[in-house]
Amino acid sequence: MKKKLLSTLFLVLAALTAEAQVDLIGSWTGKLDLGVGKLTLVFHLKQADGRVKVTMDSPDQSANGIPCSNDFLSDDSLAVSVRGINASYSGCLKDGKIVGTFKQNGMSLPLVLTKSTEELKRPQNPQPPFPYTTEEVTFRNERDGATLAGTLTWPVGYHPKSKKKPLVVLFVTGSGQENRDEEIYEHKPFLVIADYLARQGIASLRYDDRATGASKGGDVRNVTTEDFARDAAAGLAYLRSRKAFAKVGIIGHSEGGAIAFILGAQGKTDFLVSLAGPGVKGDTLGASQQNKVMEMSGLPATVTAEQIRKDPKIQDIPWFQWFNNYDPSADIAATRCPVFALNGDRDWQVISSLNLTAIQRLLPKSKYNQTKEYPGLNHLFQHSATGQPYEYRQIEETISPEVLSDIAEWINKL
């Protein structure tokens, strides 16, 4: 009888505990105020097999599903440890919100969580119906065994029998495997630019990086910027083979800007637009990025190019090894086609005062060449408060309307 009573008591307690925790089950979102900006954190509490599993997301940093240890959970309180990042959070339910403290590496900050998931607004993402036509195409980089798939966007009013041929641009993405829209945090900058250009009479081709999306083949383990440049060269050759365009150019973002100058020096493009493309050697670029972070954090900015080259974390990564040793100076100086180089003065990744200044100095003299720095714009050419990368997701704007207008106007003057 005693065992039966104890068993019944445990079952009752378990049922009460499960019922008490119902209010905390779900997703809870809050903003961590870092002083120089706010970082979004999301805690997910899910009940399964009689237990409550907790994970954390830091969506502004593209970090999702971080495991948490459930240290304490009641009807109105919780405490979790995030051991992977040496952090913890504890709080109590008050007026429908969890009011608590987030701790990491000796730092304690208040964090209020609301039971919700954050809805991202992307007002510039084009919505159908579109006043232009698109065509799904593929082209081949035979040397690397890569078949690249993309979208060819024809300009508004285009007719294949028209005697006037439009200009066309090939989009080249930044570092990492990216899709044809260069999608990041539900922003689709290349789609937005392609839509705008089509409405201004300019055709475009944007494609998925090798082994990404609908693109197939091509080495991605030992790949370098040179390999990606051959993919882009294949895209230019494909567009020329169509014999439908007056001129064939490139719009490259970040690493894509470096690729644009590589192909510009080889005489493979009729014009190029460099969106935050590097103008200095890779190790110098890397040092400037880290020093910017140190500076904005109130720490001494003392990272050197030599330290970047010797960083043990990148010694076995061919992309970093190649890029750290790549100096774009010779390619920029050898580019004879028209160039429009843009940068934002709040870019933390390709710092304008260092890179755009170098490009401006190295470019051959030409009435068509233009460089422009945009006040308040970050690496994605969004209007930003500080330029820090974790703001990218929080900003609704995908790309500055002024940048869109300037690109189209410059191309149409060629």
Protein backbone atom coordinates (compact mmCIF):
# COMPACT_ATOMS: atom_id res chain seq x y z
CA MET A 1 0.00 0.00 0.00
CA LYS A 2 2.86 2.38 0.89
CA LYS A 3 4.57 1.77 -2.50
CA LYS A 4 1.28 2.37 -4.29
CA LEU A 5 0.81 5.70 -2.47
CA LEU A 6 4.38 6.80 -3.30
CA SER A 7 3.92 5.89 -6.97
CA THR A 8 0.67 7.80 -7.10
CA LEU A 9 2.32 10.81 -5.43
CA PHE A 10 5.18 10.83 -7.96
CA LEU A 11 2.72 10.67 -10.85
CA VAL A 12 0.70 13.54 -9.37
CA LEU A 13 3.85 15.63 -8.87
CA ALA A 14 5.01 14.90 -12.42
CA ALA A 15 1.62 15.89 -13.80
CA LEU A 16 1.59 19.09 -11.76
CA THR A 17 5.14 19.95 -12.87
CA ALA A 18 4.29 19.35 -16.54
CA GLU A 19 1.15 21.44 -16.17
CA ALA A 20 3.02 24.21 -14.35
CA GLN A 21 5.60 24.46 -17.12
CA VAL A 22 3.05 24.85 -19.89
CA ASP A 23 3.25 28.65 -19.71
CA LEU A 24 6.99 28.54 -20.41
CA ILE A 25 6.85 26.06 -23.28
CA GLY A 26 7.42 27.82 -26.61
CA SER A 27 9.81 30.32 -28.17
CA TRP A 28 10.95 33.40 -26.26
CA THR A 29 12.67 36.33 -27.96
CA GLY A 30 14.59 39.26 -26.53
CA LYS A 31 17.15 41.94 -27.38
CA LEU A 32 20.45 41.99 -25.53
CA ASP A 33 21.66 45.61 -25.23
CA LEU A 34 25.42 45.62 -25.82
CA GLY A 35 25.76 49.39 -25.66
CA VAL A 36 26.89 49.71 -29.29
CA GLY A 37 23.85 47.79 -30.55
CA LYS A 38 21.26 45.16 -29.71
CA LEU A 39 21.66 41.42 -30.31
CA THR A 40 18.61 39.20 -30.81
CA LEU A 41 18.47 36.03 -28.68
CA VAL A 42 15.78 33.35 -28.87
CA PHE A 43 15.22 30.51 -26.38
CA HIS A 44 13.15 27.52 -27.50
CA LEU A 45 11.52 25.34 -24.82
CA LYS A 46 10.07 22.11 -26.19
CA GLN A 47 8.43 19.33 -24.22
CA ALA A 48 9.16 15.76 -25.35
CA ASP A 49 9.29 12.37 -23.62
CA GLY A 50 8.43 13.92 -20.28
CA ARG A 51 11.33 16.36 -20.43
CA VAL A 52 11.79 19.96 -21.47
CA LYS A 53 14.56 20.53 -24.02
CA VAL A 54 16.01 24.04 -24.30
CA THR A 55 18.00 25.46 -27.22
CA MET A 56 19.13 29.00 -28.00
CA ASP A 57 19.42 30.93 -31.26
CA SER A 58 21.48 34.02 -31.98
CA PRO A 59 19.90 34.75 -35.38
CA ASP A 60 21.79 38.01 -35.91
CA GLN A 61 24.96 35.89 -35.89
CA SER A 62 23.50 33.00 -37.93
CA ALA A 63 23.87 30.71 -34.89
CA ASN A 64 20.85 28.46 -34.32
CA GLY A 65 20.02 25.42 -32.22
CA ILE A 66 22.73 26.01 -29.58
CA PRO A 67 22.21 23.31 -26.86
CA CYS A 68 21.33 24.52 -23.36
CA SER A 69 21.40 22.67 -20.05
CA ASN A 70 18.08 22.92 -18.24
CA ASP A 71 19.31 23.79 -14.73
CA PHE A 72 15.95 24.78 -13.23
CA LEU A 73 12.40 25.05 -14.51
CA SER A 74 9.19 25.78 -12.63
CA ASP A 75 5.81 27.30 -13.40
CA ASP A 76 7.26 30.82 -13.46
CA SER A 77 11.06 30.56 -13.47
CA LEU A 78 13.90 29.08 -15.45
CA ALA A 79 17.67 28.87 -15.38
CA VAL A 80 19.74 27.50 -18.26
CA SER A 81 23.43 27.13 -19.02
CA VAL A 82 24.85 27.55 -22.51
CA ARG A 83 28.16 25.81 -21.91
CA GLY A 84 29.32 25.96 -25.51
CA ILE A 85 29.70 29.74 -25.23
CA ASN A 86 30.30 29.94 -21.45
CA ALA A 87 26.96 31.68 -20.88
CA SER A 88 23.83 31.35 -18.78
CA TYR A 89 20.37 32.87 -18.44
CA SER A 90 17.93 32.94 -15.54
CA GLY A 91 14.63 34.73 -15.20
CA CYS A 92 11.12 34.82 -13.78
CA LEU A 93 7.75 35.20 -15.46
CA LYS A 94 6.22 38.62 -14.84
CA ASP A 95 3.24 40.13 -16.66
CA GLY A 96 3.61 37.63 -19.50
CA LYS A 97 7.34 38.24 -19.98
CA ILE A 98 10.44 36.52 -18.64
CA VAL A 99 12.52 39.14 -16.84
CA GLY A 100 16.06 37.97 -16.22
CA THR A 101 19.82 38.23 -16.61
CA PHE A 102 22.14 36.93 -19.30
CA LYS A 103 25.71 36.20 -18.20
CA GLN A 104 28.77 35.46 -20.30
CA ASN A 105 32.47 35.53 -19.46
CA GLY A 106 31.95 37.60 -16.33
CA MET A 107 29.55 40.06 -17.99
CA SER A 108 25.96 40.39 -16.75
CA LEU A 109 23.25 42.09 -18.80
CA PRO A 110 19.48 42.38 -18.32
CA LEU A 111 17.41 40.44 -20.86
CA VAL A 112 13.61 40.50 -21.12
CA LEU A 113 12.03 37.75 -23.22
CA THR A 114 8.64 37.88 -24.92
CA LYS A 115 6.81 34.72 -26.02
CA SER A 116 7.02 35.22 -29.75
CA THR A 117 9.11 34.65 -32.85
CA GLU A 118 10.47 37.68 -34.66
CA GLU A 119 8.81 38.48 -37.99
CA LEU A 120 11.29 39.85 -40.51
CA LYS A 121 10.07 42.49 -42.94
CA ARG A 122 11.78 42.68 -46.33
CA PRO A 123 9.82 45.36 -48.21
CA GLN A 124 12.26 45.52 -51.15
CA ASN A 125 11.94 41.84 -52.09
CA PRO A 126 10.22 41.92 -55.51
CA GLN A 127 6.71 40.49 -55.65
CA PRO A 128 4.89 39.15 -58.73
CA PRO A 129 3.49 39.87 -61.21
CA PHE A 130 6.68 41.16 -62.87
CA PRO A 131 6.71 43.44 -65.94
CA TYR A 132 9.63 41.49 -67.44
CA THR A 133 10.45 37.90 -68.36
CA THR A 134 13.02 35.53 -66.86
CA GLU A 135 14.68 32.41 -68.18
CA GLU A 136 16.23 29.53 -66.24
CA VAL A 137 19.63 28.70 -67.77
CA THR A 138 22.78 26.68 -67.12
CA PHE A 139 26.37 27.15 -68.21
CA ARG A 140 29.45 25.01 -67.80
CA ASN A 141 32.93 25.48 -66.35
CA GLU A 142 34.54 22.53 -68.09
CA ARG A 143 37.93 22.78 -66.39
CA ASP A 144 36.43 22.43 -62.90
CA GLY A 145 33.54 20.15 -63.85
CA ALA A 146 30.96 22.63 -62.57
CA THR A 147 27.52 23.23 -64.07
CA LEU A 148 26.16 26.56 -62.87
CA ALA A 149 22.41 27.18 -62.80
CA GLY A 150 20.92 30.63 -62.80
CA THR A 151 18.21 33.09 -63.79
CA LEU A 152 18.55 35.31 -66.84
CA THR A 153 16.36 38.39 -66.40
CA TRP A 154 15.38 40.28 -69.54
CA PRO A 155 14.61 44.01 -69.28
CA VAL A 156 11.13 45.45 -69.38
CA GLY A 157 9.89 45.76 -72.96
CA TYR A 158 12.58 43.48 -74.40
CA HIS A 159 11.73 41.72 -77.65
CA PRO A 160 14.15 39.18 -79.18
CA LYS A 161 13.56 40.56 -82.69
CA SER A 162 14.42 44.12 -81.67
CA LYS A 163 17.51 45.57 -83.37
CA LYS A 164 18.58 47.28 -80.14
CA LYS A 165 20.42 44.88 -77.87
CA PRO A 166 20.43 45.50 -74.12
CA LEU A 167 23.47 45.55 -71.86
CA VAL A 168 23.75 42.59 -69.47
CA VAL A 169 25.51 42.05 -66.14
CA LEU A 170 26.68 38.84 -64.49
CA PHE A 171 26.29 38.84 -60.70
CA VAL A 172 29.15 37.35 -58.67
CA THR A 173 28.59 36.68 -54.96
CA GLY A 174 30.78 37.30 -51.94
CA SER A 175 32.72 34.69 -49.97
CA GLY A 176 31.12 31.40 -48.98
CA GLN A 177 28.64 29.22 -50.82
CA GLU A 178 25.71 31.47 -51.72
CA ASN A 179 22.64 31.16 -53.89
CA ARG A 180 21.87 33.27 -56.93
CA ASP A 181 20.14 35.95 -54.85
CA GLU A 182 23.15 36.22 -52.49
CA GLU A 183 20.55 35.55 -49.80
CA ILE A 184 21.39 36.43 -46.21
CA TYR A 185 18.89 36.77 -43.33
CA GLU A 186 16.03 36.68 -45.86
CA HIS A 187 17.58 39.65 -47.66
CA LYS A 188 18.02 38.96 -51.38
CA PRO A 189 20.27 41.77 -52.62
CA PHE A 190 21.01 40.33 -56.08
CA LEU A 191 17.31 39.71 -56.71
CA VAL A 192 16.52 43.29 -55.68
CA ILE A 193 19.24 44.70 -57.95
CA ALA A 194 18.23 42.47 -60.88
CA ASP A 195 14.61 43.58 -60.55
CA TYR A 196 15.64 47.24 -60.48
CA LEU A 197 17.99 46.91 -63.46
CA ALA A 198 15.32 45.14 -65.53
CA ARG A 199 13.02 48.12 -64.98
CA GLN A 200 15.86 50.38 -66.19
CA GLY A 201 16.45 48.45 -69.43
CA ILE A 202 19.38 46.28 -68.26
CA ALA A 203 19.49 42.47 -68.44
CA SER A 204 21.21 40.31 -65.83
CA LEU A 205 22.26 36.76 -65.00
CA ARG A 206 22.57 35.65 -61.40
CA TYR A 207 23.61 32.08 -60.59
CA ASP A 208 23.98 29.69 -57.66
CA ASP A 209 27.59 29.17 -56.58
CA ARG A 210 29.10 25.81 -57.47
CA ALA A 211 27.57 22.88 -55.56
CA THR A 212 24.91 25.23 -54.18
CA GLY A 213 21.20 25.39 -54.98
CA ALA A 214 20.62 24.03 -58.48
CA SER A 215 24.32 24.21 -59.45
CA LYS A 216 26.18 20.90 -59.60
CA GLY A 217 29.77 19.77 -59.43
CA GLY A 218 33.03 21.59 -58.84
CA ASP A 219 35.38 21.13 -55.90
CA VAL A 220 34.32 23.05 -52.78
CA ARG A 221 36.79 21.62 -50.24
CA ASN A 222 39.96 23.01 -51.80
CA VAL A 223 38.36 25.88 -53.69
CA THR A 224 39.95 29.36 -53.90
CA THR A 225 38.92 32.69 -55.37
CA GLU A 226 40.69 31.66 -58.60
CA ASP A 227 38.29 28.73 -58.97
CA PHE A 228 35.27 30.95 -58.44
CA ALA A 229 36.73 33.36 -61.00
CA ARG A 230 36.70 30.55 -63.59
CA ASP A 231 33.01 29.96 -62.83
CA ALA A 232 32.34 33.65 -63.46
CA ALA A 233 34.42 33.60 -66.66
CA ALA A 234 32.26 30.72 -67.88
CA GLY A 235 29.19 32.86 -67.18
CA LEU A 236 30.57 35.74 -69.22
CA ALA A 237 31.40 33.38 -72.09
CA TYR A 238 27.87 31.99 -71.96
CA LEU A 239 26.32 35.46 -72.17
CA ARG A 240 28.52 36.32 -75.16
CA SER A 241 27.51 33.07 -76.85
CA ARG A 242 23.86 34.19 -76.76
CA LYS A 243 24.75 37.07 -79.13
CA ALA A 244 21.83 38.98 -77.66
CA PHE A 245 23.67 41.70 -75.76
CA ALA A 246 25.45 44.92 -76.70
CA LYS A 247 27.93 44.66 -73.82
CA VAL A 248 28.59 42.05 -71.13
CA GLY A 249 29.69 43.20 -67.66
CA ILE A 250 30.03 42.08 -64.04
CA ILE A 251 28.57 43.20 -60.74
CA GLY A 252 30.64 41.63 -57.95
CA HIS A 253 30.07 41.99 -54.22
CA SER A 254 32.94 41.66 -51.70
CA GLU A 255 34.98 38.64 -52.95
CA GLY A 256 32.93 39.00 -56.13
CA GLY A 257 34.49 42.46 -56.51
CA ALA A 258 37.95 40.87 -56.44
CA ILE A 259 36.81 38.39 -59.09
CA ALA A 260 35.50 41.26 -61.20
CA PHE A 261 38.96 42.86 -61.21
CA ILE A 262 40.68 39.51 -61.91
CA LEU A 263 38.53 39.11 -65.02
CA GLY A 264 38.80 42.81 -65.82
CA ALA A 265 42.58 42.50 -65.96
CA GLN A 266 42.18 39.52 -68.30
CA GLY A 267 40.00 41.57 -70.62
CA LYS A 268 37.02 39.24 -70.22
CA THR A 269 34.42 41.84 -69.22
CA ASP A 270 33.28 45.01 -70.99
CA PHE A 271 32.63 46.86 -67.70
CA LEU A 272 32.48 46.10 -64.00
CA VAL A 273 30.80 47.27 -60.81
CA SER A 274 32.67 46.53 -57.59
CA LEU A 275 30.38 46.52 -54.56
CA ALA A 276 32.69 46.68 -51.52
CA GLY A 277 35.44 44.88 -53.39
CA PRO A 278 38.91 44.64 -51.76
CA GLY A 279 41.64 47.02 -52.84
CA VAL A 280 44.45 45.72 -50.61
CA LYS A 281 46.21 42.41 -49.96
CA GLY A 282 44.13 39.74 -48.19
CA ASP A 283 46.15 39.61 -44.97
CA THR A 284 45.99 43.40 -44.69
CA LEU A 285 42.23 43.24 -45.26
CA GLY A 286 41.87 40.58 -42.53
CA ALA A 287 43.91 42.61 -40.06
CA SER A 288 41.84 45.73 -40.75
CA GLN A 289 38.62 43.77 -40.11
CA GLN A 290 39.80 42.49 -36.74
CA ASN A 291 41.21 45.86 -35.73
CA LYS A 292 37.87 47.49 -36.52
CA VAL A 293 36.15 45.09 -34.13
CA MET A 294 38.78 45.75 -31.45
CA GLU A 295 38.52 49.51 -31.92
CA MET A 296 34.72 49.54 -31.66
CA SER A 297 34.97 47.35 -28.54
CA GLY A 298 37.28 49.85 -26.87
CA LEU A 299 40.31 47.54 -27.12
CA PRO A 300 43.76 48.22 -28.63
CA ALA A 301 43.69 47.69 -32.41
CA THR A 302 47.03 45.91 -32.73
CA VAL A 303 46.36 42.93 -35.04
CA THR A 304 48.98 42.64 -37.80
CA ALA A 305 48.93 41.08 -41.26
CA GLU A 306 51.61 38.65 -40.02
CA GLN A 307 49.27 37.44 -37.26
CA ILE A 308 46.51 36.89 -39.82
CA ARG A 309 48.84 34.75 -41.96
CA LYS A 310 49.95 32.67 -38.97
CA ASP A 311 46.48 32.12 -37.49
CA PRO A 312 46.42 28.33 -36.82
CA LYS A 313 42.68 28.15 -37.48
CA ILE A 314 43.20 28.82 -41.20
CA GLN A 315 46.42 26.99 -41.95
CA ASP A 316 44.64 24.03 -43.54
CA ILE A 317 42.01 26.06 -45.44
CA PRO A 318 43.12 26.66 -49.07
CA TRP A 319 40.70 29.58 -49.57
CA PHE A 320 42.23 31.58 -46.72
CA GLN A 321 45.78 30.68 -47.71
CA TRP A 322 45.21 31.90 -51.27
CA PHE A 323 43.24 35.00 -50.31
CA ASN A 324 45.69 36.12 -47.63
CA ASN A 325 48.46 36.12 -50.24
CA TYR A 326 46.41 37.75 -53.00
CA ASP A 327 47.19 41.39 -53.72
CA PRO A 328 44.61 42.90 -56.12
CA SER A 329 46.79 45.90 -56.97
CA ALA A 330 48.13 44.53 -60.25
CA ASP A 331 44.69 43.40 -61.44
CA ILE A 332 43.09 46.75 -60.59
CA ALA A 333 45.86 48.65 -62.39
CA ALA A 334 45.56 46.36 -65.43
CA THR A 335 41.77 46.75 -65.77
CA ARG A 336 41.10 48.84 -68.88
CA CYS A 337 37.31 48.51 -69.04
CA PRO A 338 35.02 51.07 -67.34
CA VAL A 339 34.82 50.62 -63.55
CA PHE A 340 32.34 51.79 -60.93
CA ALA A 341 33.62 51.01 -57.41
CA LEU A 342 31.31 51.61 -54.43
CA ASN A 343 31.73 51.31 -50.66
CA GLY A 344 29.89 52.34 -47.53
CA ASP A 345 31.73 54.29 -44.83
CA ARG A 346 30.28 51.98 -42.14
CA ASP A 347 31.54 48.80 -43.79
CA TRP A 348 33.33 46.70 -41.13
CA GLN A 349 34.35 43.94 -43.55
CA VAL A 350 35.88 45.87 -46.45
CA ILE A 351 36.78 49.18 -44.86
CA SER A 352 36.20 52.00 -47.30
CA SER A 353 38.98 54.34 -46.17
CA LEU A 354 41.49 51.56 -46.84
CA ASN A 355 40.07 49.69 -49.83
CA LEU A 356 38.16 52.24 -51.89
CA THR A 357 41.04 54.67 -51.53
CA ALA A 358 43.43 52.03 -52.89
CA ILE A 359 41.14 51.25 -55.84
CA GLN A 360 40.82 54.93 -56.67
CA ARG A 361 44.61 55.32 -56.62
CA LEU A 362 45.28 52.23 -58.75
CA LEU A 363 42.60 52.59 -61.43
CA PRO A 364 43.82 53.79 -64.85
CA LYS A 365 42.63 57.27 -65.77
CA SER A 366 39.36 57.13 -67.69
CA LYS A 367 36.31 59.33 -68.06
CA TYR A 368 34.16 56.27 -67.39
CA ASN A 369 35.81 55.22 -64.12
CA GLN A 370 34.05 56.29 -60.95
CA THR A 371 34.42 55.61 -57.23
CA LYS A 372 31.91 56.58 -54.58
CA GLU A 373 31.71 56.29 -50.81
CA TYR A 374 28.22 56.32 -49.26
CA PRO A 375 27.73 57.81 -45.78
CA GLY A 376 26.00 55.54 -43.27
CA LEU A 377 26.02 52.37 -45.42
CA ASN A 378 27.36 49.02 -44.23
CA HIS A 379 28.88 46.08 -46.12
CA LEU A 380 25.48 45.17 -47.61
CA PHE A 381 24.86 48.82 -48.54
CA GLN A 382 22.08 49.16 -45.98
CA HIS A 383 21.61 52.32 -43.94
CA SER A 384 22.90 51.27 -40.54
CA ALA A 385 23.42 52.61 -37.03
CA THR A 386 26.95 51.26 -36.55
CA GLY A 387 27.79 48.96 -39.47
CA GLN A 388 28.26 45.91 -37.26
CA PRO A 389 27.44 42.63 -39.06
CA TYR A 390 24.80 41.59 -36.51
CA GLU A 391 22.69 44.57 -37.68
CA TYR A 392 22.26 43.07 -41.18
CA ARG A 393 19.33 40.91 -40.15
CA GLN A 394 17.63 43.58 -38.03
CA ILE A 395 17.54 46.20 -40.81
CA GLU A 396 14.47 46.03 -43.05
CA GLU A 397 16.18 47.72 -45.99
CA THR A 398 17.99 45.30 -48.31
CA ILE A 399 19.99 47.87 -50.27
CA SER A 400 20.05 51.65 -50.46
CA PRO A 401 17.80 53.06 -53.22
CA GLU A 402 20.56 55.57 -54.02
CA VAL A 403 22.97 52.73 -54.75
CA LEU A 404 20.42 51.06 -57.04
CA SER A 405 19.87 54.31 -58.92
CA ASP A 406 23.58 55.07 -59.24
CA ILE A 407 24.42 51.61 -60.60
CA ALA A 408 21.69 51.72 -63.25
CA GLU A 409 22.51 55.28 -64.25
CA TRP A 410 26.23 54.51 -64.61
CA ILE A 411 25.63 51.37 -66.69
CA ASN A 412 23.16 53.09 -68.98
CA LYS A 413 25.71 55.83 -69.75
CA LEU A 414 28.21 53.32 -71.17
